[in-house]
Amino acid sequence: MVDELGNDILRLVESVEENSVCIKLIGAIRNELAYDLEDELYAFILLHHRFILDFEEVTFIASTGLQLLLDFQKRIDKYPDGSLVLTSISGTIEKTFLDTGYYDLFEIK
């Protein structure tokens, strides 16, 4: 995904492993791009209900990105086989999740 100036801010690398969609997020999840990310994630729900989001290379997450994740979790929870796992959360991203109270709302490995 790119911003209005064409700068590459957030990239997604998707793969399907067993019954889960694994999505590696690379870059910054800024407010202005959160809705693009939302569109990408919701497109997968049509076919899959189990997700692993890898945050190893996420450098920033804005409040809109946090809310998007919470909304995505709620949507996934509607499916009996649905699950969302966040992985490799550390450093400033982990601090953001902890400071905002979002850390305990997700399954984090």
Protein backbone atom coordinates (compact mmCIF):
# COMPACT_ATOMS: atom_id res chain seq x y z
CA MET A 1 0.00 0.00 0.00
CA VAL A 2 1.14 3.52 -0.68
CA ASP A 3 0.30 6.95 0.66
CA GLU A 4 -0.97 9.88 -1.39
CA LEU A 5 2.60 10.72 -2.44
CA GLY A 6 3.29 7.22 -3.66
CA ASN A 7 5.51 6.30 -0.69
CA ASP A 8 5.46 2.63 0.22
CA ILE A 9 4.29 2.64 3.82
CA LEU A 10 2.75 -0.77 4.40
CA ARG A 11 3.22 -4.03 2.56
CA LEU A 12 1.41 -7.31 3.07
CA VAL A 13 2.88 -10.69 2.27
CA GLU A 14 0.17 -13.33 2.30
CA SER A 15 0.38 -17.09 2.34
CA VAL A 16 -2.06 -19.87 3.14
CA GLU A 17 -0.70 -22.51 5.49
CA GLU A 18 -2.93 -25.44 6.38
CA ASN A 19 -6.24 -23.81 7.37
CA SER A 20 -4.90 -20.33 8.15
CA VAL A 21 -4.08 -17.22 6.19
CA CYS A 22 -0.70 -15.91 7.33
CA ILE A 23 -0.17 -12.22 6.66
CA LYS A 24 3.18 -10.59 7.29
CA LEU A 25 2.77 -6.85 7.77
CA ILE A 26 5.78 -4.76 6.75
CA GLY A 27 6.02 -1.06 7.53
CA ALA A 28 3.84 1.47 9.33
CA ILE A 29 0.09 1.09 9.92
CA ARG A 30 -0.83 4.76 9.73
CA ASN A 31 -4.33 6.18 10.12
CA GLU A 32 -4.60 7.15 6.46
CA LEU A 33 -3.86 3.59 5.31
CA ALA A 34 -5.83 1.65 7.91
CA TYR A 35 -8.92 1.55 5.70
CA ASP A 36 -6.89 0.08 2.82
CA LEU A 37 -5.62 -2.58 5.20
CA GLU A 38 -9.18 -3.20 6.35
CA ASP A 39 -10.27 -3.80 2.75
CA GLU A 40 -7.43 -6.27 2.24
CA LEU A 41 -8.21 -8.20 5.42
CA TYR A 42 -11.96 -8.34 4.87
CA ALA A 43 -11.45 -9.68 1.35
CA PHE A 44 -9.87 -12.78 2.92
CA ILE A 45 -12.85 -13.40 5.21
CA LEU A 46 -14.91 -14.44 2.22
CA LEU A 47 -12.77 -17.59 1.90
CA HIS A 48 -10.98 -18.03 5.23
CA HIS A 49 -11.76 -17.59 8.92
CA ARG A 50 -8.41 -18.36 10.56
CA PHE A 51 -5.71 -15.70 10.49
CA ILE A 52 -2.17 -15.19 11.72
CA LEU A 53 -0.89 -11.62 11.51
CA ASP A 54 2.89 -11.30 11.81
CA PHE A 55 3.97 -7.96 13.28
CA GLU A 56 7.72 -8.60 13.22
CA GLU A 57 8.38 -5.83 10.69
CA VAL A 58 5.69 -3.37 11.77
CA THR A 59 7.34 -0.09 12.76
CA PHE A 60 4.26 1.84 13.89
CA ILE A 61 0.54 1.31 14.51
CA ALA A 62 -1.89 4.22 14.77
CA SER A 63 -5.11 4.25 16.75
CA THR A 64 -7.19 3.57 13.64
CA GLY A 65 -5.08 0.45 13.04
CA LEU A 66 -5.76 -0.77 16.56
CA GLN A 67 -9.49 -0.23 16.13
CA LEU A 68 -9.37 -2.02 12.78
CA LEU A 69 -7.81 -5.06 14.46
CA LEU A 70 -10.49 -5.07 17.14
CA ASP A 71 -13.26 -4.84 14.52
CA PHE A 72 -11.58 -7.60 12.50
CA GLN A 73 -11.43 -9.81 15.62
CA LYS A 74 -15.14 -9.24 16.23
CA ARG A 75 -15.94 -10.18 12.64
CA ILE A 76 -13.85 -13.36 12.85
CA ASP A 77 -15.48 -14.32 16.17
CA LYS A 78 -18.80 -14.70 14.34
CA TYR A 79 -17.50 -17.88 12.69
CA PRO A 80 -17.34 -21.09 14.77
CA ASP A 81 -13.96 -21.95 13.23
CA GLY A 82 -12.66 -18.35 13.28
CA SER A 83 -9.44 -17.30 14.96
CA LEU A 84 -7.00 -14.42 14.92
CA VAL A 85 -3.47 -14.75 16.27
CA LEU A 86 -1.02 -11.86 16.37
CA THR A 87 2.64 -12.86 16.36
CA SER A 88 6.04 -11.22 16.82
CA ILE A 89 4.73 -8.17 18.65
CA SER A 90 7.61 -6.48 20.42
CA GLY A 91 9.28 -3.15 21.13
CA THR A 92 7.27 -0.02 20.50
CA ILE A 93 4.39 -2.00 18.98
CA GLU A 94 4.09 -4.10 22.12
CA LYS A 95 4.24 -0.94 24.23
CA THR A 96 1.43 0.59 22.16
CA PHE A 97 -0.74 -2.49 22.67
CA LEU A 98 -0.02 -2.48 26.41
CA ASP A 99 -0.49 1.27 26.92
CA THR A 100 -3.85 1.27 25.12
CA GLY A 101 -5.19 -1.86 26.81
CA TYR A 102 -5.41 -3.76 23.53
CA TYR A 103 -2.82 -6.38 24.48
CA ASP A 104 -5.29 -8.47 26.49
CA LEU A 105 -7.96 -8.32 23.79
CA PHE A 106 -6.06 -10.57 21.37
CA GLU A 107 -4.36 -13.92 21.26
CA ILE A 108 -0.70 -12.92 21.00
CA LYS A 109 2.13 -15.39 20.51
